Amino acid sequence: MKNFTMRDEKFVCEACGREVLPLGYTARDHCPFCLYSKHVDIMPGDRKNTCLGLLKPVGIEKFKNTYKILYVCEKCGEHHKNIMAKDDDMDLIIEISRQN
């Protein structure tokens, strides 16, 4: 993706309060413990979105040989998708997929 800015940073999740370490193989874009993300980007990694709402995981969809987490911003209502990470809580992925 030509408009992708690589940002693999540690952060404290605003939804669950846990410290999230860098992913190491690509950009970290959500919490692996609760799967929440934050509405900070317009283009991946640019940190230019002023919304700053929490992106709530609301569904899962198959994508190639992995899955995407479907999000709705709790502040502005926008929908987003992020590819799941290797260290995501698989039990939570399964639980969310059952809600679809």
Protein backbone atom coordinates (compact mmCIF):
# COMPACT_ATOMS: atom_id res chain seq x y z
CA MET A 1 0.00 0.00 0.00
CA LYS A 2 1.72 3.18 -1.17
CA ASN A 3 0.02 5.42 1.44
CA PHE A 4 1.10 3.21 4.36
CA THR A 5 3.32 4.79 7.03
CA MET A 6 4.99 2.12 9.15
CA ARG A 7 4.35 2.76 12.86
CA ASP A 8 5.00 -0.12 15.20
CA GLU A 9 4.88 1.61 18.56
CA LYS A 10 4.09 0.52 22.09
CA PHE A 11 1.05 2.10 23.72
CA VAL A 12 -1.34 1.75 26.64
CA CYS A 13 -4.76 0.58 25.43
CA GLU A 14 -7.44 3.13 26.29
CA ALA A 15 -10.10 0.39 26.42
CA CYS A 16 -8.49 -2.17 28.76
CA GLY A 17 -5.52 -0.25 30.20
CA ARG A 18 -2.90 -2.86 29.31
CA GLU A 19 0.51 -2.03 27.88
CA VAL A 20 0.81 -3.18 24.26
CA LEU A 21 4.28 -3.82 22.88
CA PRO A 22 5.36 -3.33 19.26
CA LEU A 23 4.41 -6.19 16.95
CA GLY A 24 7.82 -6.57 15.36
CA TYR A 25 6.82 -7.71 11.86
CA THR A 26 4.36 -4.99 10.78
CA ALA A 27 2.58 -1.99 12.27
CA ARG A 28 0.69 -2.52 15.51
CA ASP A 29 -2.83 -1.11 15.00
CA HIS A 30 -4.92 -2.61 17.80
CA CYS A 31 -4.72 -4.16 21.26
CA PRO A 32 -4.11 -7.93 21.20
CA PHE A 33 -5.84 -8.36 24.57
CA CYS A 34 -9.23 -6.68 23.98
CA LEU A 35 -8.90 -6.07 20.17
CA TYR A 36 -9.90 -2.39 20.46
CA SER A 37 -8.17 0.14 18.24
CA LYS A 38 -8.11 3.93 18.16
CA HIS A 39 -9.38 6.15 15.34
CA VAL A 40 -6.10 8.02 14.76
CA ASP A 41 -5.36 7.55 11.03
CA ILE A 42 -6.82 8.79 7.79
CA MET A 43 -4.31 6.77 5.77
CA PRO A 44 -2.64 3.87 7.65
CA GLY A 45 0.01 5.23 10.01
CA ASP A 46 -0.41 8.94 9.26
CA ARG A 47 -1.89 9.87 12.69
CA LYS A 48 -3.85 12.73 11.05
CA ASN A 49 -7.40 11.84 12.14
CA THR A 50 -8.79 14.25 14.73
CA CYS A 51 -11.63 11.93 15.80
CA LEU A 52 -9.53 9.92 18.29
CA GLY A 53 -12.53 7.75 19.23
CA LEU A 54 -12.20 4.12 20.26
CA LEU A 55 -12.76 1.58 17.51
CA LYS A 56 -14.89 -1.21 18.95
CA PRO A 57 -14.44 -4.71 17.48
CA VAL A 58 -17.85 -5.78 16.19
CA GLY A 59 -17.15 -8.61 13.76
CA ILE A 60 -14.66 -10.85 12.01
CA GLU A 61 -14.33 -11.68 8.31
CA LYS A 62 -12.12 -14.15 6.46
CA PHE A 63 -9.29 -12.51 4.50
CA LYS A 64 -6.90 -14.66 2.45
CA ASN A 65 -5.27 -17.04 4.95
CA THR A 66 -6.15 -14.94 8.02
CA TYR A 67 -8.96 -12.73 9.33
CA LYS A 68 -9.86 -9.06 9.53
CA ILE A 69 -11.38 -7.47 12.61
CA LEU A 70 -14.36 -5.24 11.79
CA TYR A 71 -14.64 -2.03 13.79
CA VAL A 72 -17.12 0.76 14.45
CA CYS A 73 -15.86 4.02 15.93
CA GLU A 74 -17.71 4.73 19.16
CA LYS A 75 -17.35 8.47 18.60
CA CYS A 76 -18.09 9.13 14.89
CA GLY A 77 -19.62 5.82 13.73
CA GLU A 78 -17.12 5.15 10.90
CA HIS A 79 -16.42 1.52 9.99
CA HIS A 80 -12.87 0.16 9.67
CA LYS A 81 -11.07 -3.15 9.19
CA ASN A 82 -7.68 -4.32 10.49
CA ILE A 83 -5.90 -7.59 9.80
CA MET A 84 -5.57 -9.67 12.95
CA ALA A 85 -2.10 -10.00 14.48
CA LYS A 86 -0.32 -13.23 15.39
CA ASP A 87 -0.61 -12.45 19.11
CA ASP A 88 -4.31 -11.52 19.17
CA ASP A 89 -6.51 -13.27 21.74
CA MET A 90 -7.92 -16.07 19.58
CA ASP A 91 -10.67 -16.87 22.09
CA LEU A 92 -11.90 -13.28 21.72
CA ILE A 93 -11.65 -13.51 17.91
CA ILE A 94 -13.87 -16.62 18.03
CA GLU A 95 -16.32 -14.99 20.47
CA ILE A 96 -16.70 -11.92 18.24
CA SER A 97 -17.10 -14.08 15.13
CA ARG A 98 -20.04 -15.86 16.76
CA GLN A 99 -21.83 -12.52 17.17
CA ASN A 100 -22.02 -11.97 13.38
